Amino acid sequence: MKRNVRVAVAALIGVIALAACGSSGSSKSSGNKEADTTSTTAAPATSSTSAPGAKDTLQLVDTSLGKVIAGADGKVLYLYTPDGTAEVSTVPAAVLQAWPPVVVKAAPTVAAGLDQSKVSTGTQPSGAKWVRYNGHLLYGFTGDASPGDINGNGISGVWHAVNASGDAIMS
């Protein structure tokens, strides 16, 4: 039994040592999930730039609507007009299956072309930190298969892609 415990501890130490070596950030996935969409949360830090090798939480992508805000994965993000600029979402829980929010563990960061001073988080009743830009909570759309898809824009007249100024794109 003691031998099995020692083998398990040695294996765990080896995994931790390999993880500590990490990648140089040159691979497609840096393994840094701090700014990626996630369901776990922590209080945001005050840093205005992302860590080396980390993906920015928000970026601009080209679409048929022009440049719009997208997540770290390049998929377009949307605002829900009934939310207005409230910190707490008004999207019905069942609807969030199709319109998942951008949730972060660390302070959200932005890529070139976006204004870091416009990014913040809204704390939900669950304690989760959802990303906001220009006061608007941001959501993905499961109907967008690829970066640059804008299939969610204008749905029900309440879901809209967001431009670099942080305004809804009405089409």
C-alpha atoms as a PDB file:
ATOM      1  CA  MET A   1       0.000   0.000   0.000  1.00  0.00           C
ATOM      2  CA  LYS A   2       2.808   2.434   0.929  1.00  0.00           C
ATOM      3  CA  ARG A   3       4.549   1.629  -2.351  1.00  0.00           C
ATOM      4  CA  ASN A   4       1.377   2.509  -4.320  1.00  0.00           C
ATOM      5  CA  VAL A   5       1.121   5.831  -2.483  1.00  0.00           C
ATOM      6  CA  ARG A   6       4.799   6.594  -3.189  1.00  0.00           C
ATOM      7  CA  VAL A   7       4.349   5.760  -6.886  1.00  0.00           C
ATOM      8  CA  ALA A   8       1.259   7.984  -7.077  1.00  0.00           C
ATOM      9  CA  VAL A   9       3.067  10.871  -5.337  1.00  0.00           C
ATOM     10  CA  ALA A  10       6.091  10.480  -7.632  1.00  0.00           C
ATOM     11  CA  ALA A  11       3.829  10.503 -10.699  1.00  0.00           C
ATOM     12  CA  LEU A  12       2.043  13.623  -9.439  1.00  0.00           C
ATOM     13  CA  ILE A  13       5.352  15.400  -8.823  1.00  0.00           C
ATOM     14  CA  GLY A  14       6.436  14.492 -12.362  1.00  0.00           C
ATOM     15  CA  VAL A  15       3.239  15.919 -13.847  1.00  0.00           C
ATOM     16  CA  ILE A  16       3.639  19.118 -11.842  1.00  0.00           C
ATOM     17  CA  ALA A  17       7.278  19.437 -12.916  1.00  0.00           C
ATOM     18  CA  LEU A  18       6.325  19.027 -16.573  1.00  0.00           C
ATOM     19  CA  ALA A  19       3.541  21.595 -16.224  1.00  0.00           C
ATOM     20  CA  ALA A  20       5.952  24.044 -14.604  1.00  0.00           C
ATOM     21  CA  CYS A  21       8.209  23.814 -17.652  1.00  0.00           C
ATOM     22  CA  GLY A  22       5.215  24.957 -19.714  1.00  0.00           C
ATOM     23  CA  SER A  23       5.324  26.184 -23.268  1.00  0.00           C
ATOM     24  CA  SER A  24       6.866  29.354 -24.579  1.00  0.00           C
ATOM     25  CA  GLY A  25       3.468  30.601 -25.737  1.00  0.00           C
ATOM     26  CA  SER A  26       4.298  29.767 -29.340  1.00  0.00           C
ATOM     27  CA  SER A  27       1.813  26.944 -29.590  1.00  0.00           C
ATOM     28  CA  LYS A  28      -1.795  27.527 -30.560  1.00  0.00           C
ATOM     29  CA  SER A  29      -3.015  26.774 -27.039  1.00  0.00           C
ATOM     30  CA  SER A  30      -0.902  28.290 -24.309  1.00  0.00           C
ATOM     31  CA  GLY A  31      -2.698  26.374 -21.591  1.00  0.00           C
ATOM     32  CA  ASN A  32      -3.391  29.711 -19.872  1.00  0.00           C
ATOM     33  CA  LYS A  33      -7.121  29.662 -19.265  1.00  0.00           C
ATOM     34  CA  GLU A  34      -7.174  32.819 -17.130  1.00  0.00           C
ATOM     35  CA  ALA A  35      -8.865  34.901 -19.824  1.00  0.00           C
ATOM     36  CA  ASP A  36     -10.707  32.103 -21.584  1.00  0.00           C
ATOM     37  CA  THR A  37     -14.392  31.487 -21.124  1.00  0.00           C
ATOM     38  CA  THR A  38     -14.840  29.366 -18.030  1.00  0.00           C
ATOM     39  CA  SER A  39     -17.374  28.592 -15.360  1.00  0.00           C
ATOM     40  CA  THR A  40     -15.107  29.200 -12.395  1.00  0.00           C
ATOM     41  CA  THR A  41     -14.492  32.664 -11.096  1.00  0.00           C
ATOM     42  CA  ALA A  42     -12.238  34.798  -8.972  1.00  0.00           C
ATOM     43  CA  ALA A  43     -12.117  38.495  -8.249  1.00  0.00           C
ATOM     44  CA  PRO A  44     -10.622  40.384 -11.192  1.00  0.00           C
ATOM     45  CA  ALA A  45      -7.146  41.814 -10.850  1.00  0.00           C
ATOM     46  CA  THR A  46      -6.360  45.405 -11.748  1.00  0.00           C
ATOM     47  CA  SER A  47      -3.855  44.708 -14.517  1.00  0.00           C
ATOM     48  CA  SER A  48      -4.645  46.294 -17.857  1.00  0.00           C
ATOM     49  CA  THR A  49      -2.547  43.953 -19.977  1.00  0.00           C
ATOM     50  CA  SER A  50      -2.533  40.222 -20.404  1.00  0.00           C
ATOM     51  CA  ALA A  51       0.251  37.995 -19.150  1.00  0.00           C
ATOM     52  CA  PRO A  52       2.878  36.842 -21.653  1.00  0.00           C
ATOM     53  CA  GLY A  53       1.436  34.034 -23.756  1.00  0.00           C
ATOM     54  CA  ALA A  54      -2.122  34.680 -22.544  1.00  0.00           C
ATOM     55  CA  LYS A  55      -4.902  35.303 -25.027  1.00  0.00           C
ATOM     56  CA  ASP A  56      -6.757  38.582 -24.711  1.00  0.00           C
ATOM     57  CA  THR A  57     -10.314  38.108 -23.533  1.00  0.00           C
ATOM     58  CA  LEU A  58     -11.664  40.384 -26.279  1.00  0.00           C
ATOM     59  CA  GLN A  59     -10.445  41.141 -29.787  1.00  0.00           C
ATOM     60  CA  LEU A  60     -11.750  42.578 -33.043  1.00  0.00           C
ATOM     61  CA  VAL A  61     -12.573  40.341 -36.004  1.00  0.00           C
ATOM     62  CA  ASP A  62     -13.647  41.167 -39.531  1.00  0.00           C
ATOM     63  CA  THR A  63     -17.211  40.246 -40.491  1.00  0.00           C
ATOM     64  CA  SER A  64     -19.698  41.285 -43.160  1.00  0.00           C
ATOM     65  CA  LEU A  65     -20.850  43.904 -40.609  1.00  0.00           C
ATOM     66  CA  GLY A  66     -17.319  45.308 -40.344  1.00  0.00           C
ATOM     67  CA  LYS A  67     -15.020  44.871 -37.344  1.00  0.00           C
ATOM     68  CA  VAL A  68     -16.835  43.490 -34.306  1.00  0.00           C
ATOM     69  CA  ILE A  69     -15.870  42.299 -30.843  1.00  0.00           C
ATOM     70  CA  ALA A  70     -15.036  38.614 -30.497  1.00  0.00           C
ATOM     71  CA  GLY A  71     -13.787  36.367 -27.734  1.00  0.00           C
ATOM     72  CA  ALA A  72     -10.345  34.832 -27.403  1.00  0.00           C
ATOM     73  CA  ASP A  73     -11.421  32.086 -29.831  1.00  0.00           C
ATOM     74  CA  GLY A  74     -12.311  34.644 -32.531  1.00  0.00           C
ATOM     75  CA  LYS A  75     -16.040  33.988 -32.335  1.00  0.00           C
ATOM     76  CA  VAL A  76     -18.302  37.040 -32.377  1.00  0.00           C
ATOM     77  CA  LEU A  77     -19.805  38.258 -29.111  1.00  0.00           C
ATOM     78  CA  TYR A  78     -23.203  39.868 -28.670  1.00  0.00           C
ATOM     79  CA  LEU A  79     -25.052  42.118 -26.277  1.00  0.00           C
ATOM     80  CA  TYR A  80     -28.638  41.569 -25.144  1.00  0.00           C
ATOM     81  CA  THR A  81     -30.475  44.898 -25.363  1.00  0.00           C
ATOM     82  CA  PRO A  82     -32.829  44.257 -22.396  1.00  0.00           C
ATOM     83  CA  ASP A  83     -29.698  44.070 -20.182  1.00  0.00           C
ATOM     84  CA  GLY A  84     -28.943  47.709 -20.966  1.00  0.00           C
ATOM     85  CA  THR A  85     -25.830  48.533 -18.971  1.00  0.00           C
ATOM     86  CA  ALA A  86     -26.840  46.597 -15.862  1.00  0.00           C
ATOM     87  CA  GLU A  87     -24.208  44.468 -14.163  1.00  0.00           C
ATOM     88  CA  VAL A  88     -26.604  41.567 -13.661  1.00  0.00           C
ATOM     89  CA  SER A  89     -27.939  39.659 -16.650  1.00  0.00           C
ATOM     90  CA  THR A  90     -31.630  39.619 -17.487  1.00  0.00           C
ATOM     91  CA  VAL A  91     -31.278  36.702 -19.918  1.00  0.00           C
ATOM     92  CA  PRO A  92     -33.521  33.805 -18.849  1.00  0.00           C
ATOM     93  CA  ALA A  93     -31.458  30.872 -17.567  1.00  0.00           C
ATOM     94  CA  ALA A  94     -32.791  28.509 -20.265  1.00  0.00           C
ATOM     95  CA  VAL A  95     -31.674  30.934 -22.992  1.00  0.00           C
ATOM     96  CA  LEU A  96     -28.094  30.947 -21.704  1.00  0.00           C
ATOM     97  CA  GLN A  97     -27.644  27.460 -23.205  1.00  0.00           C
ATOM     98  CA  ALA A  98     -27.648  29.077 -26.667  1.00  0.00           C
ATOM     99  CA  TRP A  99     -26.152  32.411 -25.555  1.00  0.00           C
ATOM    100  CA  PRO A 100     -23.356  31.592 -23.072  1.00  0.00           C
ATOM    101  CA  PRO A 101     -21.818  34.562 -21.263  1.00  0.00           C
ATOM    102  CA  VAL A 102     -18.112  35.377 -21.309  1.00  0.00           C
ATOM    103  CA  VAL A 103     -16.967  34.393 -17.815  1.00  0.00           C
ATOM    104  CA  VAL A 104     -13.437  35.060 -16.548  1.00  0.00           C
ATOM    105  CA  LYS A 105     -11.203  34.103 -13.640  1.00  0.00           C
ATOM    106  CA  ALA A 106      -8.815  37.040 -14.072  1.00  0.00           C
ATOM    107  CA  ALA A 107      -9.133  40.642 -15.181  1.00  0.00           C
ATOM    108  CA  PRO A 108     -10.393  40.741 -18.769  1.00  0.00           C
ATOM    109  CA  THR A 109      -7.978  42.176 -21.312  1.00  0.00           C
ATOM    110  CA  VAL A 110      -8.366  43.535 -24.828  1.00  0.00           C
ATOM    111  CA  ALA A 111      -6.365  43.327 -28.037  1.00  0.00           C
ATOM    112  CA  ALA A 112      -5.398  46.206 -30.314  1.00  0.00           C
ATOM    113  CA  GLY A 113      -8.295  48.345 -31.507  1.00  0.00           C
ATOM    114  CA  LEU A 114     -10.304  48.021 -28.292  1.00  0.00           C
ATOM    115  CA  ASP A 115     -10.272  50.331 -25.276  1.00  0.00           C
ATOM    116  CA  GLN A 116      -9.100  48.647 -22.049  1.00  0.00           C
ATOM    117  CA  SER A 117     -10.918  51.311 -19.996  1.00  0.00           C
ATOM    118  CA  LYS A 118     -14.244  50.075 -21.442  1.00  0.00           C
ATOM    119  CA  VAL A 119     -13.805  46.490 -20.230  1.00  0.00           C
ATOM    120  CA  SER A 120     -15.069  45.408 -16.824  1.00  0.00           C
ATOM    121  CA  THR A 121     -17.007  42.595 -15.201  1.00  0.00           C
ATOM    122  CA  GLY A 122     -20.503  42.257 -13.840  1.00  0.00           C
ATOM    123  CA  THR A 123     -20.869  40.034 -10.796  1.00  0.00           C
ATOM    124  CA  GLN A 124     -23.845  37.716 -11.108  1.00  0.00           C
ATOM    125  CA  PRO A 125     -25.914  36.400  -8.157  1.00  0.00           C
ATOM    126  CA  SER A 126     -23.877  33.165  -8.398  1.00  0.00           C
ATOM    127  CA  GLY A 127     -20.692  35.170  -7.824  1.00  0.00           C
ATOM    128  CA  ALA A 128     -19.476  34.583 -11.392  1.00  0.00           C
ATOM    129  CA  LYS A 129     -17.689  37.472 -13.113  1.00  0.00           C
ATOM    130  CA  TRP A 130     -19.148  38.101 -16.576  1.00  0.00           C
ATOM    131  CA  VAL A 131     -17.281  40.316 -19.025  1.00  0.00           C
ATOM    132  CA  ARG A 132     -18.716  43.700 -19.964  1.00  0.00           C
ATOM    133  CA  TYR A 133     -17.614  46.116 -22.670  1.00  0.00           C
ATOM    134  CA  ASN A 134     -18.826  49.714 -22.615  1.00  0.00           C
ATOM    135  CA  GLY A 135     -21.187  48.610 -19.845  1.00  0.00           C
ATOM    136  CA  HIS A 136     -22.773  45.771 -21.844  1.00  0.00           C
ATOM    137  CA  LEU A 137     -22.563  42.139 -20.752  1.00  0.00           C
ATOM    138  CA  LEU A 138     -21.218  39.997 -23.597  1.00  0.00           C
ATOM    139  CA  TYR A 139     -22.468  36.631 -24.805  1.00  0.00           C
ATOM    140  CA  GLY A 140     -21.407  34.092 -27.402  1.00  0.00           C
ATOM    141  CA  PHE A 141     -23.883  32.356 -29.693  1.00  0.00           C
ATOM    142  CA  THR A 142     -23.874  28.594 -30.242  1.00  0.00           C
ATOM    143  CA  GLY A 143     -25.236  29.149 -33.755  1.00  0.00           C
ATOM    144  CA  ASP A 144     -21.898  30.660 -34.823  1.00  0.00           C
ATOM    145  CA  ALA A 145     -19.673  27.803 -35.931  1.00  0.00           C
ATOM    146  CA  SER A 146     -16.585  29.753 -36.981  1.00  0.00           C
ATOM    147  CA  PRO A 147     -14.780  32.983 -36.157  1.00  0.00           C
ATOM    148  CA  GLY A 148     -16.450  35.868 -37.988  1.00  0.00           C
ATOM    149  CA  ASP A 149     -19.874  34.183 -38.203  1.00  0.00           C
ATOM    150  CA  ILE A 150     -22.639  36.634 -37.259  1.00  0.00           C
ATOM    151  CA  ASN A 151     -25.656  34.332 -37.244  1.00  0.00           C
ATOM    152  CA  GLY A 152     -26.845  35.756 -33.928  1.00  0.00           C
ATOM    153  CA  ASN A 153     -26.993  39.386 -35.017  1.00  0.00           C
ATOM    154  CA  GLY A 154     -30.526  40.766 -34.880  1.00  0.00           C
ATOM    155  CA  ILE A 155     -32.172  37.612 -33.508  1.00  0.00           C
ATOM    156  CA  SER A 156     -35.517  38.525 -31.923  1.00  0.00           C
ATOM    157  CA  GLY A 157     -34.485  42.158 -32.325  1.00  0.00           C
ATOM    158  CA  VAL A 158     -32.557  41.968 -29.028  1.00  0.00           C
ATOM    159  CA  TRP A 159     -29.225  40.252 -29.812  1.00  0.00           C
ATOM    160  CA  HIS A 160     -26.605  42.406 -31.530  1.00  0.00           C
ATOM    161  CA  ALA A 161     -22.938  42.194 -32.415  1.00  0.00           C
ATOM    162  CA  VAL A 162     -20.840  44.931 -30.809  1.00  0.00           C
ATOM    163  CA  ASN A 163     -18.514  47.389 -32.563  1.00  0.00           C
ATOM    164  CA  ALA A 164     -15.182  48.676 -31.203  1.00  0.00           C
ATOM    165  CA  SER A 165     -16.945  51.627 -29.555  1.00  0.00           C
ATOM    166  CA  GLY A 166     -19.040  49.167 -27.582  1.00  0.00           C
ATOM    167  CA  ASP A 167     -22.305  49.913 -29.355  1.00  0.00           C
ATOM    168  CA  ALA A 168     -24.824  47.443 -30.761  1.00  0.00           C
ATOM    169  CA  ILE A 169     -24.706  46.938 -34.517  1.00  0.00           C
ATOM    170  CA  MET A 170     -28.292  47.269 -35.677  1.00  0.00           C
ATOM    171  CA  SER A 171     -28.857  45.668 -39.060  1.00  0.00           C
END
